[in-house]
Amino acid sequence: MAATTSFSTVQLPFPSNGPSSSLSPQRPRLSLQFPPARIRSFKSLKSLRLRQNGDAFRSRRFAGSGKSSSSFVVRCDSSGGRITQQDFTEMAWQAIVSSPEVAKENKHQIIETEHLMKALLEQKNGLARRIFSKAGVDNTRLLEATDKFIQRQPKVISESSGSMLGRDLESLIQRARDYKKEYGDSFVSVEHLVLAFAQDQRFGKQLFKDFQIS
């Protein structure tokens, strides 16, 4: 039977992580297939990396920032794992808690990866927009493509819209957590979420392919 809980302590069936390698993992490349002068690789975005010793984008807890996060309820099929506010940077958490509102506005019952992408792209001066801009991607076109995908999804006419966490979004968040662990970061950041979209079979992988992001 599905359980009901606050998203700040969502219970999810996350798989356990295997032993970490002693070798430093190589960051996946993020680039555009344009003429050489316009090509950008993900390595060229190192200045956007969230670091503890930090710059303007340093990792930090959402708590104590003077801002409050939205409270909402989702239904999950298991209680094997947790998503907690303390695991994320402020900007990453803001996008996650905004995703159910995006789903609700579009009358979608299940919160999925496309809703998270829209939430990320709609953040004013958001880090995701800066990452894509540095890679040469037009954020307006990226948002339009995301909206088109959202509009194609089935709608429900009920008060339960935006109340259930989708399996693909669940998997994406887990991949972002894996990146955080691999890179030795303290919190899951927007950068980790963006990287996780590259393997999203539902939406992100095709979106990246359409925009020649590899």
N, C-alpha and C. Protein backbone atom coordinates (compact mmCIF):
# COMPACT_ATOMS: atom_id res chain seq x y z
N MET A 1 0.86 -1.19 0.00
CA MET A 1 0.00 0.00 0.00
C MET A 1 0.89 1.23 0.00
N ALA A 2 0.53 2.24 -0.82
CA ALA A 2 1.35 3.43 -0.94
C ALA A 2 1.31 4.24 0.34
N ALA A 3 2.46 4.82 0.68
CA ALA A 3 2.56 5.63 1.88
C ALA A 3 2.50 7.10 1.51
N THR A 4 2.02 7.95 2.42
CA THR A 4 1.95 9.38 2.17
C THR A 4 2.89 10.09 3.12
N THR A 5 3.72 10.98 2.57
CA THR A 5 4.71 11.64 3.41
C THR A 5 5.10 12.98 2.85
N SER A 6 5.70 13.84 3.65
CA SER A 6 6.18 15.14 3.18
C SER A 6 7.42 14.93 2.32
N PHE A 7 7.57 15.74 1.27
CA PHE A 7 8.70 15.57 0.35
C PHE A 7 10.02 15.84 1.04
N SER A 8 10.00 16.62 2.11
CA SER A 8 11.27 16.90 2.79
C SER A 8 11.84 15.65 3.43
N THR A 9 11.01 14.62 3.58
CA THR A 9 11.51 13.32 4.07
C THR A 9 10.88 12.21 3.24
N VAL A 10 10.93 12.35 1.92
CA VAL A 10 10.32 11.36 1.04
C VAL A 10 11.01 10.02 1.16
N GLN A 11 10.26 8.97 1.25
CA GLN A 11 10.81 7.63 1.33
C GLN A 11 10.85 7.04 -0.07
N LEU A 12 12.04 6.71 -0.55
CA LEU A 12 12.19 6.20 -1.89
C LEU A 12 13.00 4.90 -1.89
N PRO A 13 12.74 4.04 -2.87
CA PRO A 13 13.48 2.78 -2.94
C PRO A 13 14.81 2.95 -3.64
N PHE A 14 15.73 3.72 -3.04
CA PHE A 14 17.03 3.91 -3.65
C PHE A 14 17.88 2.66 -3.46
N PRO A 15 18.59 2.25 -4.52
CA PRO A 15 19.50 1.12 -4.37
C PRO A 15 20.70 1.52 -3.55
N SER A 16 21.33 0.55 -2.93
CA SER A 16 22.52 0.84 -2.14
C SER A 16 23.69 1.05 -3.08
N ASN A 17 24.62 1.89 -2.68
CA ASN A 17 25.78 2.18 -3.50
C ASN A 17 26.85 1.12 -3.28
N GLY A 18 27.53 0.78 -4.37
CA GLY A 18 28.61 -0.18 -4.26
C GLY A 18 29.85 0.49 -3.75
N PRO A 19 30.93 -0.24 -3.54
CA PRO A 19 32.18 0.35 -3.05
C PRO A 19 32.72 1.35 -4.04
N SER A 20 33.22 2.47 -3.55
CA SER A 20 33.71 3.52 -4.43
C SER A 20 35.12 3.19 -4.89
N SER A 21 35.43 3.65 -6.09
CA SER A 21 36.75 3.41 -6.65
C SER A 21 37.76 4.36 -6.05
N SER A 22 39.00 3.93 -5.96
CA SER A 22 40.05 4.79 -5.44
C SER A 22 40.52 5.78 -6.49
N LEU A 23 40.11 5.55 -7.75
CA LEU A 23 40.49 6.44 -8.83
C LEU A 23 39.50 7.58 -8.91
N SER A 24 39.97 8.77 -9.24
CA SER A 24 39.09 9.91 -9.39
C SER A 24 38.29 9.74 -10.67
N PRO A 25 36.96 9.80 -10.61
CA PRO A 25 36.14 9.58 -11.80
C PRO A 25 36.29 10.74 -12.77
N GLN A 26 36.19 10.45 -14.05
CA GLN A 26 36.28 11.48 -15.06
C GLN A 26 34.91 12.06 -15.30
N ARG A 27 34.77 13.37 -15.25
CA ARG A 27 33.49 14.02 -15.44
C ARG A 27 33.01 13.83 -16.88
N PRO A 28 31.75 13.45 -17.09
CA PRO A 28 31.23 13.30 -18.45
C PRO A 28 31.37 14.60 -19.23
N ARG A 29 31.58 14.50 -20.52
CA ARG A 29 31.74 15.68 -21.37
C ARG A 29 30.38 16.23 -21.76
N LEU A 30 30.29 17.54 -21.79
CA LEU A 30 29.08 18.22 -22.21
C LEU A 30 29.49 19.21 -23.27
N SER A 31 29.15 18.94 -24.52
CA SER A 31 29.62 19.80 -25.59
C SER A 31 28.58 19.92 -26.69
N LEU A 32 28.76 20.87 -27.57
CA LEU A 32 27.86 21.08 -28.70
C LEU A 32 28.61 20.84 -29.99
N GLN A 33 27.92 20.27 -30.96
CA GLN A 33 28.54 20.00 -32.25
C GLN A 33 28.38 21.22 -33.15
N PHE A 34 29.18 22.25 -32.89
CA PHE A 34 29.19 23.47 -33.67
C PHE A 34 30.58 23.63 -34.28
N PRO A 35 30.79 24.64 -35.10
CA PRO A 35 32.15 24.93 -35.57
C PRO A 35 33.09 25.06 -34.38
N PRO A 36 34.38 24.73 -34.56
CA PRO A 36 35.33 24.67 -33.44
C PRO A 36 35.29 25.86 -32.49
N ALA A 37 35.09 27.05 -33.00
CA ALA A 37 35.13 28.23 -32.13
C ALA A 37 33.99 28.22 -31.12
N ARG A 38 32.91 27.48 -31.39
CA ARG A 38 31.76 27.50 -30.51
C ARG A 38 31.64 26.27 -29.65
N ILE A 39 32.52 25.31 -29.87
CA ILE A 39 32.43 24.08 -29.10
C ILE A 39 32.80 24.34 -27.65
N ARG A 40 31.99 23.80 -26.75
CA ARG A 40 32.28 23.90 -25.32
C ARG A 40 32.21 22.51 -24.72
N SER A 41 33.18 22.14 -23.92
CA SER A 41 33.13 20.87 -23.22
C SER A 41 32.77 21.12 -21.77
N PHE A 42 32.31 20.07 -21.12
CA PHE A 42 31.93 20.22 -19.72
C PHE A 42 33.14 20.59 -18.88
N LYS A 43 34.31 20.18 -19.30
CA LYS A 43 35.53 20.51 -18.56
C LYS A 43 35.76 22.03 -18.55
N SER A 44 35.27 22.71 -19.61
CA SER A 44 35.45 24.16 -19.65
C SER A 44 34.52 24.88 -18.70
N LEU A 45 33.63 24.13 -18.06
CA LEU A 45 32.68 24.72 -17.12
C LEU A 45 33.13 24.52 -15.69
N LYS A 46 34.40 24.24 -15.47
CA LYS A 46 34.87 23.97 -14.11
C LYS A 46 34.65 25.15 -13.18
N SER A 47 34.60 26.34 -13.75
CA SER A 47 34.39 27.51 -12.90
C SER A 47 33.00 27.51 -12.28
N LEU A 48 32.08 26.69 -12.85
CA LEU A 48 30.73 26.61 -12.31
C LEU A 48 30.60 25.49 -11.30
N ARG A 49 31.67 24.73 -11.09
CA ARG A 49 31.64 23.61 -10.16
C ARG A 49 31.40 24.11 -8.74
N LEU A 50 30.51 23.46 -8.02
CA LEU A 50 30.24 23.86 -6.65
C LEU A 50 31.33 23.31 -5.76
N ARG A 51 32.02 24.21 -5.05
CA ARG A 51 33.14 23.79 -4.22
C ARG A 51 32.94 24.28 -2.80
N GLN A 52 33.40 23.50 -1.86
CA GLN A 52 33.25 23.88 -0.46
C GLN A 52 34.10 25.11 -0.12
N ASN A 53 35.24 25.27 -0.76
CA ASN A 53 36.11 26.38 -0.41
C ASN A 53 35.73 27.63 -1.14
N GLY A 54 34.75 27.57 -1.87
CA GLY A 54 34.02 28.28 -2.71
C GLY A 54 33.98 29.64 -3.19
N ASP A 55 33.31 29.66 -4.33
CA ASP A 55 33.04 30.88 -5.05
C ASP A 55 31.57 31.22 -4.87
N ALA A 56 31.03 31.96 -5.82
CA ALA A 56 29.63 32.39 -5.69
C ALA A 56 28.66 31.24 -5.76
N PHE A 57 29.12 30.08 -6.25
CA PHE A 57 28.23 28.94 -6.40
C PHE A 57 28.56 27.84 -5.39
N ARG A 58 29.21 28.20 -4.28
CA ARG A 58 29.65 27.17 -3.34
C ARG A 58 28.47 26.41 -2.76
N SER A 59 28.71 25.15 -2.40
CA SER A 59 27.67 24.33 -1.81
C SER A 59 27.28 24.87 -0.45
N ARG A 60 26.00 24.80 -0.15
CA ARG A 60 25.54 25.22 1.17
C ARG A 60 24.18 24.60 1.44
N ARG A 61 23.85 24.48 2.69
CA ARG A 61 22.56 23.93 3.07
C ARG A 61 21.48 24.96 2.80
N PHE A 62 20.28 24.45 2.46
CA PHE A 62 19.14 25.34 2.25
C PHE A 62 18.72 25.95 3.57
N ALA A 63 18.77 25.15 4.63
CA ALA A 63 18.35 25.64 5.94
C ALA A 63 19.22 26.80 6.36
N GLY A 64 18.58 27.82 6.94
CA GLY A 64 19.32 28.97 7.44
C GLY A 64 19.60 30.01 6.38
N SER A 65 19.05 29.82 5.17
CA SER A 65 19.32 30.77 4.10
C SER A 65 18.39 31.96 4.15
N GLY A 66 17.37 31.90 5.02
CA GLY A 66 16.43 32.99 5.10
C GLY A 66 15.26 32.81 4.16
N LYS A 67 15.27 31.70 3.40
CA LYS A 67 14.18 31.41 2.48
C LYS A 67 13.47 30.16 2.93
N SER A 68 12.21 30.07 2.60
CA SER A 68 11.44 28.89 2.98
C SER A 68 11.12 28.08 1.74
N SER A 69 11.06 26.78 1.89
CA SER A 69 10.72 25.91 0.77
C SER A 69 9.25 25.54 0.85
N SER A 70 8.70 25.23 -0.31
CA SER A 70 7.30 24.83 -0.35
C SER A 70 7.13 23.47 0.28
N SER A 71 6.01 23.26 0.89
CA SER A 71 5.70 21.96 1.50
C SER A 71 4.65 21.28 0.65
N PHE A 72 4.88 20.03 0.30
CA PHE A 72 3.89 19.31 -0.47
C PHE A 72 3.99 17.85 -0.15
N VAL A 73 3.00 17.11 -0.62
CA VAL A 73 2.88 15.71 -0.27
C VAL A 73 2.97 14.85 -1.53
N VAL A 74 3.71 13.75 -1.46
CA VAL A 74 3.77 12.79 -2.56
C VAL A 74 3.52 11.41 -2.01
N ARG A 75 3.06 10.52 -2.87
CA ARG A 75 2.85 9.14 -2.47
C ARG A 75 3.92 8.27 -3.11
N CYS A 76 4.52 7.44 -2.31
CA CYS A 76 5.61 6.58 -2.77
C CYS A 76 5.25 5.13 -2.52
N ASP A 77 5.86 4.25 -3.30
CA ASP A 77 5.55 2.84 -3.22
C ASP A 77 6.43 2.08 -2.24
N SER A 78 7.42 2.76 -1.70
CA SER A 78 8.34 2.06 -0.81
C SER A 78 8.90 3.04 0.21
N SER A 79 9.57 2.50 1.20
CA SER A 79 10.22 3.36 2.19
C SER A 79 11.69 2.96 2.34
N GLY A 80 12.31 2.63 1.20
CA GLY A 80 13.67 2.14 1.26
C GLY A 80 14.73 3.21 1.27
N GLY A 81 14.39 4.47 0.96
CA GLY A 81 15.37 5.54 0.93
C GLY A 81 14.70 6.85 1.26
N ARG A 82 15.52 7.93 1.32
CA ARG A 82 14.97 9.22 1.71
C ARG A 82 15.54 10.34 0.85
N ILE A 83 14.71 11.35 0.59
CA ILE A 83 15.19 12.59 0.01
C ILE A 83 15.01 13.63 1.10
N THR A 84 16.08 14.24 1.53
CA THR A 84 15.99 15.24 2.59
C THR A 84 16.58 16.56 2.11
N GLN A 85 16.02 17.63 2.58
CA GLN A 85 16.44 18.97 2.22
C GLN A 85 17.92 19.19 2.48
N GLN A 86 18.42 18.59 3.57
CA GLN A 86 19.81 18.80 3.96
C GLN A 86 20.82 18.19 2.99
N ASP A 87 20.36 17.35 2.06
CA ASP A 87 21.27 16.72 1.11
C ASP A 87 21.58 17.60 -0.09
N PHE A 88 20.85 18.71 -0.25
CA PHE A 88 20.92 19.49 -1.48
C PHE A 88 21.39 20.93 -1.25
N THR A 89 21.99 21.51 -2.30
CA THR A 89 22.27 22.93 -2.26
C THR A 89 20.95 23.68 -2.37
N GLU A 90 20.98 24.93 -2.02
CA GLU A 90 19.75 25.74 -2.02
C GLU A 90 19.06 25.73 -3.38
N MET A 91 19.83 25.99 -4.44
CA MET A 91 19.25 26.09 -5.77
C MET A 91 18.70 24.75 -6.26
N ALA A 92 19.40 23.66 -5.95
CA ALA A 92 18.93 22.33 -6.35
C ALA A 92 17.64 22.00 -5.62
N TRP A 93 17.58 22.31 -4.33
CA TRP A 93 16.37 22.01 -3.56
C TRP A 93 15.18 22.85 -4.03
N GLN A 94 15.42 24.11 -4.36
CA GLN A 94 14.36 24.96 -4.87
C GLN A 94 13.74 24.37 -6.13
N ALA A 95 14.58 23.83 -7.02
CA ALA A 95 14.07 23.23 -8.25
C ALA A 95 13.24 21.98 -7.94
N ILE A 96 13.71 21.17 -7.01
CA ILE A 96 13.00 19.94 -6.66
C ILE A 96 11.63 20.25 -6.06
N VAL A 97 11.56 21.22 -5.15
CA VAL A 97 10.29 21.52 -4.52
C VAL A 97 9.35 22.30 -5.45
N SER A 98 9.89 22.85 -6.55
CA SER A 98 9.06 23.55 -7.53
C SER A 98 8.46 22.58 -8.55
N SER A 99 9.06 21.40 -8.70
CA SER A 99 8.61 20.44 -9.70
C SER A 99 7.15 20.02 -9.55
N PRO A 100 6.65 19.77 -8.33
CA PRO A 100 5.24 19.41 -8.19
C PRO A 100 4.29 20.52 -8.65
N GLU A 101 4.70 21.78 -8.47
CA GLU A 101 3.86 22.88 -8.93
C GLU A 101 3.79 22.91 -10.45
N VAL A 102 4.93 22.60 -11.09
CA VAL A 102 4.95 22.53 -12.55
C VAL A 102 4.00 21.43 -13.02
N ALA A 103 4.05 20.27 -12.36
CA ALA A 103 3.16 19.16 -12.70
C ALA A 103 1.70 19.54 -12.47
N LYS A 104 1.44 20.19 -11.35
CA LYS A 104 0.07 20.57 -11.01
C LYS A 104 -0.50 21.58 -12.00
N GLU A 105 0.31 22.55 -12.39
CA GLU A 105 -0.13 23.55 -13.35
C GLU A 105 -0.52 22.93 -14.68
N ASN A 106 0.12 21.82 -15.01
CA ASN A 106 -0.15 21.14 -16.28
C ASN A 106 -1.09 19.95 -16.12
N LYS A 107 -1.68 19.83 -14.93
CA LYS A 107 -2.65 18.77 -14.63
C LYS A 107 -2.05 17.38 -14.82
N HIS A 108 -0.83 17.20 -14.35
CA HIS A 108 -0.17 15.91 -14.39
C HIS A 108 -0.13 15.32 -12.98
N GLN A 109 -0.52 14.08 -12.86
CA GLN A 109 -0.56 13.45 -11.54
C GLN A 109 0.82 13.07 -11.06
N ILE A 110 1.69 12.67 -12.00
CA ILE A 110 3.02 12.17 -11.64
C ILE A 110 4.07 13.23 -11.93
N ILE A 111 4.93 13.48 -10.94
CA ILE A 111 6.03 14.44 -11.08
C ILE A 111 7.20 13.73 -11.74
N GLU A 112 7.63 14.24 -12.88
CA GLU A 112 8.68 13.55 -13.63
C GLU A 112 9.84 14.47 -14.00
N THR A 113 10.78 13.92 -14.74
CA THR A 113 12.02 14.62 -15.04
C THR A 113 11.80 15.89 -15.85
N GLU A 114 10.80 15.90 -16.73
CA GLU A 114 10.54 17.10 -17.51
C GLU A 114 10.09 18.27 -16.63
N HIS A 115 9.38 17.95 -15.54
CA HIS A 115 8.95 19.00 -14.62
C HIS A 115 10.16 19.59 -13.88
N LEU A 116 11.11 18.74 -13.54
CA LEU A 116 12.33 19.23 -12.89
C LEU A 116 13.14 20.10 -13.83
N MET A 117 13.25 19.69 -15.10
CA MET A 117 14.00 20.48 -16.07
C MET A 117 13.37 21.86 -16.24
N LYS A 118 12.06 21.91 -16.33
CA LYS A 118 11.37 23.20 -16.46
C LYS A 118 11.63 24.07 -15.22
N ALA A 119 11.57 23.46 -14.05
CA ALA A 119 11.83 24.20 -12.82
C ALA A 119 13.25 24.76 -12.80
N LEU A 120 14.21 23.98 -13.27
CA LEU A 120 15.60 24.44 -13.33
C LEU A 120 15.77 25.60 -14.30
N LEU A 121 15.13 25.49 -15.47
CA LEU A 121 15.28 26.51 -16.49
C LEU A 121 14.54 27.80 -16.15
N GLU A 122 13.57 27.71 -15.27
CA GLU A 122 12.80 28.89 -14.89
C GLU A 122 13.38 29.61 -13.67
N GLN A 123 14.47 29.09 -13.11
CA GLN A 123 15.11 29.77 -12.00
C GLN A 123 15.80 31.03 -12.50
N LYS A 124 15.48 32.16 -11.92
CA LYS A 124 16.09 33.42 -12.33
C LYS A 124 17.58 33.39 -12.02
N ASN A 125 18.39 33.63 -13.05
CA ASN A 125 19.86 33.57 -12.91
C ASN A 125 20.30 32.22 -12.37
N GLY A 126 19.56 31.17 -12.73
CA GLY A 126 19.85 29.84 -12.21
C GLY A 126 21.14 29.25 -12.76
N LEU A 127 21.72 28.36 -11.99
CA LEU A 127 22.98 27.73 -12.38
C LEU A 127 22.81 26.84 -13.61
N ALA A 128 21.66 26.16 -13.73
CA ALA A 128 21.43 25.31 -14.91
C ALA A 128 21.47 26.15 -16.18
N ARG A 129 20.84 27.31 -16.16
CA ARG A 129 20.84 28.20 -17.33
C ARG A 129 22.26 28.64 -17.66
N ARG A 130 23.06 28.92 -16.65
CA ARG A 130 24.45 29.34 -16.89
C ARG A 130 25.28 28.20 -17.46
N ILE A 131 25.02 26.99 -16.97
CA ILE A 131 25.74 25.82 -17.48
C ILE A 131 25.44 25.63 -18.97
N PHE A 132 24.15 25.67 -19.32
CA PHE A 132 23.77 25.48 -20.73
C PHE A 132 24.25 26.64 -21.60
N SER A 133 24.20 27.86 -21.08
CA SER A 133 24.69 29.01 -21.84
C SER A 133 26.17 28.89 -22.12
N LYS A 134 26.95 28.45 -21.10
CA LYS A 134 28.39 28.27 -21.30
C LYS A 134 28.66 27.21 -22.36
N ALA A 135 27.74 26.26 -22.49
CA ALA A 135 27.90 25.21 -23.50
C ALA A 135 27.37 25.65 -24.85
N GLY A 136 26.85 26.87 -24.94
CA GLY A 136 26.38 27.40 -26.21
C GLY A 136 24.93 27.08 -26.52
N VAL A 137 24.17 26.61 -25.53
CA VAL A 137 22.78 26.23 -25.75
C VAL A 137 21.87 27.43 -25.50
N ASP A 138 20.87 27.59 -26.36
CA ASP A 138 19.88 28.65 -26.20
C ASP A 138 18.85 28.18 -25.16
N ASN A 139 18.84 28.81 -24.00
CA ASN A 139 17.93 28.39 -22.93
C ASN A 139 16.47 28.58 -23.29
N THR A 140 16.17 29.58 -24.10
CA THR A 140 14.78 29.80 -24.52
C THR A 140 14.28 28.64 -25.35
N ARG A 141 15.10 28.18 -26.28
CA ARG A 141 14.72 27.04 -27.12
C ARG A 141 14.64 25.76 -26.28
N LEU A 142 15.55 25.63 -25.31
CA LEU A 142 15.54 24.45 -24.44
C LEU A 142 14.25 24.42 -23.62
N LEU A 143 13.84 25.55 -23.12
CA LEU A 143 12.60 25.62 -22.34
C LEU A 143 11.39 25.36 -23.23
N GLU A 144 11.41 25.86 -24.45
CA GLU A 144 10.30 25.61 -25.38
C GLU A 144 10.16 24.12 -25.68
N ALA A 145 11.29 23.45 -25.89
CA ALA A 145 11.28 22.01 -26.16
C ALA A 145 10.75 21.25 -24.95
N THR A 146 11.14 21.69 -23.76
CA THR A 146 10.65 21.06 -22.53
C THR A 146 9.15 21.25 -22.40
N ASP A 147 8.67 22.45 -22.67
CA ASP A 147 7.23 22.73 -22.61
C ASP A 147 6.44 21.87 -23.59
N LYS A 148 6.97 21.70 -24.79
CA LYS A 148 6.29 20.88 -25.79
C LYS A 148 6.15 19.45 -25.31
N PHE A 149 7.20 18.92 -24.70
CA PHE A 149 7.14 17.56 -24.17
C PHE A 149 6.10 17.47 -23.06
N ILE A 150 6.09 18.46 -22.19
CA ILE A 150 5.13 18.48 -21.09
C ILE A 150 3.70 18.51 -21.60
N GLN A 151 3.45 19.31 -22.63
CA GLN A 151 2.10 19.43 -23.16
C GLN A 151 1.60 18.15 -23.82
N ARG A 152 2.51 17.29 -24.22
CA ARG A 152 2.11 16.02 -24.86
C ARG A 152 1.71 14.95 -23.85
N GLN A 153 1.97 15.18 -22.58
CA GLN A 153 1.70 14.15 -21.57
C GLN A 153 0.23 14.16 -21.17
N PRO A 154 -0.30 12.97 -20.80
CA PRO A 154 -1.71 12.87 -20.40
C PRO A 154 -2.03 13.76 -19.20
N LYS A 155 -3.21 14.35 -19.21
CA LYS A 155 -3.64 15.21 -18.12
C LYS A 155 -4.72 14.53 -17.29
N VAL A 156 -4.81 14.91 -16.04
CA VAL A 156 -5.84 14.39 -15.16
C VAL A 156 -6.64 15.56 -14.60
N ILE A 157 -7.93 15.35 -14.43
CA ILE A 157 -8.78 16.39 -13.85
C ILE A 157 -9.13 15.97 -12.44
N SER A 158 -8.24 16.27 -11.53
CA SER A 158 -8.47 15.91 -10.13
C SER A 158 -7.54 16.71 -9.26
N GLU A 159 -7.79 16.68 -7.97
CA GLU A 159 -6.96 17.42 -7.03
C GLU A 159 -5.65 16.70 -6.74
N SER A 160 -5.48 15.50 -7.29
CA SER A 160 -4.27 14.72 -7.01
C SER A 160 -3.13 15.03 -7.96
N SER A 161 -3.32 16.00 -8.87
CA SER A 161 -2.25 16.32 -9.81
C SER A 161 -1.02 16.81 -9.05
N GLY A 162 0.14 16.39 -9.55
CA GLY A 162 1.40 16.78 -8.92
C GLY A 162 1.64 16.17 -7.56
N SER A 163 1.09 14.97 -7.32
CA SER A 163 1.17 14.40 -5.97
C SER A 163 1.99 13.12 -5.88
N MET A 164 2.41 12.57 -7.03
CA MET A 164 3.15 11.31 -7.00
C MET A 164 4.50 11.46 -7.69
N LEU A 165 5.53 10.96 -7.05
CA LEU A 165 6.88 11.02 -7.60
C LEU A 165 7.08 9.92 -8.63
N GLY A 166 7.49 10.30 -9.84
CA GLY A 166 7.68 9.33 -10.92
C GLY A 166 8.96 8.53 -10.76
N ARG A 167 8.97 7.34 -11.33
CA ARG A 167 10.14 6.46 -11.24
C ARG A 167 11.36 7.05 -11.93
N ASP A 168 11.15 7.74 -13.06
CA ASP A 168 12.30 8.30 -13.78
C ASP A 168 12.93 9.46 -13.01
N LEU A 169 12.09 10.27 -12.37
CA LEU A 169 12.63 11.36 -11.55
C LEU A 169 13.34 10.79 -10.33
N GLU A 170 12.78 9.75 -9.78
CA GLU A 170 13.41 9.07 -8.65
C GLU A 170 14.80 8.57 -9.03
N SER A 171 14.90 7.96 -10.22
CA SER A 171 16.19 7.44 -10.70
C SER A 171 17.17 8.58 -10.97
N LEU A 172 16.68 9.68 -11.51
CA LEU A 172 17.55 10.82 -11.81
C LEU A 172 18.15 11.39 -10.54
N ILE A 173 17.34 11.53 -9.51
CA ILE A 173 17.84 12.06 -8.24
C ILE A 173 18.89 11.13 -7.65
N GLN A 174 18.68 9.84 -7.78
CA GLN A 174 19.67 8.89 -7.28
C GLN A 174 20.98 9.01 -8.05
N ARG A 175 20.90 9.20 -9.37
CA ARG A 175 22.14 9.37 -10.16
C ARG A 175 22.86 10.64 -9.73
N ALA A 176 22.11 11.69 -9.45
CA ALA A 176 22.73 12.93 -8.98
C ALA A 176 23.43 12.71 -7.65
N ARG A 177 22.81 11.91 -6.78
CA ARG A 177 23.44 11.58 -5.50
C ARG A 177 24.73 10.79 -5.72
N ASP A 178 24.72 9.91 -6.72
CA ASP A 178 25.91 9.13 -7.04
C ASP A 178 27.04 10.05 -7.52
N TYR A 179 26.70 11.04 -8.36
CA TYR A 179 27.71 12.01 -8.82
C TYR A 179 28.28 12.78 -7.64
N LYS A 180 27.43 13.19 -6.73
CA LYS A 180 27.90 13.91 -5.55
C LYS A 180 28.94 13.08 -4.80
N LYS A 181 28.65 11.80 -4.63
CA LYS A 181 29.56 10.92 -3.92
C LYS A 181 30.87 10.74 -4.69
N GLU A 182 30.77 10.54 -6.00
CA GLU A 182 31.95 10.31 -6.82
C GLU A 182 32.88 11.51 -6.83
N TYR A 183 32.31 12.71 -6.85
CA TYR A 183 33.13 13.92 -6.92
C TYR A 183 33.51 14.44 -5.55
N GLY A 184 33.10 13.76 -4.49
CA GLY A 184 33.48 14.16 -3.16
C GLY A 184 32.84 15.44 -2.68
N ASP A 185 31.66 15.77 -3.21
CA ASP A 185 30.97 16.98 -2.79
C ASP A 185 30.10 16.72 -1.57
N SER A 186 29.79 17.77 -0.85
CA SER A 186 29.01 17.64 0.38
C SER A 186 27.51 17.58 0.13
N PHE A 187 27.06 18.22 -0.97
CA PHE A 187 25.63 18.30 -1.25
C PHE A 187 25.36 17.99 -2.72
N VAL A 188 24.15 17.57 -3.00
CA VAL A 188 23.71 17.39 -4.39
C VAL A 188 23.46 18.78 -4.96
N SER A 189 24.11 19.10 -6.06
CA SER A 189 24.01 20.43 -6.65
C SER A 189 23.25 20.39 -7.97
N VAL A 190 22.98 21.58 -8.51
CA VAL A 190 22.35 21.68 -9.82
C VAL A 190 23.22 21.00 -10.88
N GLU A 191 24.52 21.13 -10.75
CA GLU A 191 25.43 20.50 -11.71
C GLU A 191 25.22 18.98 -11.73
N HIS A 192 25.08 18.38 -10.57
CA HIS A 192 24.85 16.94 -10.51
C HIS A 192 23.52 16.56 -11.16
N LEU A 193 22.50 17.38 -10.96
CA LEU A 193 21.19 17.12 -11.59
C LEU A 193 21.30 17.20 -13.11
N VAL A 194 22.01 18.23 -13.60
CA VAL A 194 22.17 18.38 -15.05
C VAL A 194 22.89 17.18 -15.64
N LEU A 195 23.95 16.73 -14.99
CA LEU A 195 24.67 15.54 -15.46
C LEU A 195 23.75 14.33 -15.50
N ALA A 196 22.89 14.20 -14.51
CA ALA A 196 22.00 13.03 -14.42
C ALA A 196 20.99 13.02 -15.55
N PHE A 197 20.63 14.17 -16.12
CA PHE A 197 19.67 14.21 -17.22
C PHE A 197 20.21 13.50 -18.46
N ALA A 198 21.51 13.44 -18.61
CA ALA A 198 22.10 12.81 -19.80
C ALA A 198 21.74 11.34 -19.91
N GLN A 199 21.39 10.70 -18.79
CA GLN A 199 21.04 9.28 -18.79
C GLN A 199 19.55 9.06 -18.56
N ASP A 200 18.77 10.12 -18.60
CA ASP A 200 17.33 10.00 -18.37
C ASP A 200 16.63 9.46 -19.61
N GLN A 201 16.20 8.22 -19.55
CA GLN A 201 15.58 7.57 -20.70
C GLN A 201 14.22 8.17 -21.06
N ARG A 202 13.57 8.78 -20.12
CA ARG A 202 12.23 9.33 -20.37
C ARG A 202 12.29 10.61 -21.22
N PHE A 203 13.20 11.52 -20.88
CA PHE A 203 13.16 12.85 -21.48
C PHE A 203 14.55 13.44 -21.73
N GLY A 204 15.39 13.44 -20.73
CA GLY A 204 16.65 14.15 -20.81
C GLY A 204 17.59 13.68 -21.90
N LYS A 205 17.71 12.38 -22.08
CA LYS A 205 18.64 11.83 -23.07
C LYS A 205 18.28 12.31 -24.47
N GLN A 206 17.00 12.27 -24.82
CA GLN A 206 16.56 12.72 -26.14
C GLN A 206 16.69 14.23 -26.28
N LEU A 207 16.42 14.95 -25.21
CA LEU A 207 16.56 16.40 -25.25
C LEU A 207 18.00 16.79 -25.54
N PHE A 208 18.93 16.15 -24.86
CA PHE A 208 20.35 16.43 -25.07
C PHE A 208 20.77 16.06 -26.50
N LYS A 209 20.20 14.98 -27.01
CA LYS A 209 20.52 14.57 -28.37
C LYS A 209 20.00 15.59 -29.37
N ASP A 210 18.77 16.07 -29.16
CA ASP A 210 18.18 17.06 -30.07
C ASP A 210 18.98 18.35 -30.10
N PHE A 211 19.58 18.71 -28.97
CA PHE A 211 20.36 19.94 -28.89
C PHE A 211 21.86 19.68 -29.05
N GLN A 212 22.19 18.45 -29.46
CA GLN A 212 23.57 18.05 -29.73
C GLN A 212 24.48 18.29 -28.53
N ILE A 213 23.94 17.98 -27.36
CA ILE A 213 24.73 18.04 -26.13
C ILE A 213 25.23 16.64 -25.85
N SER A 214 26.52 16.46 -25.75
CA SER A 214 27.06 15.11 -25.55
C SER A 214 28.17 15.13 -24.51
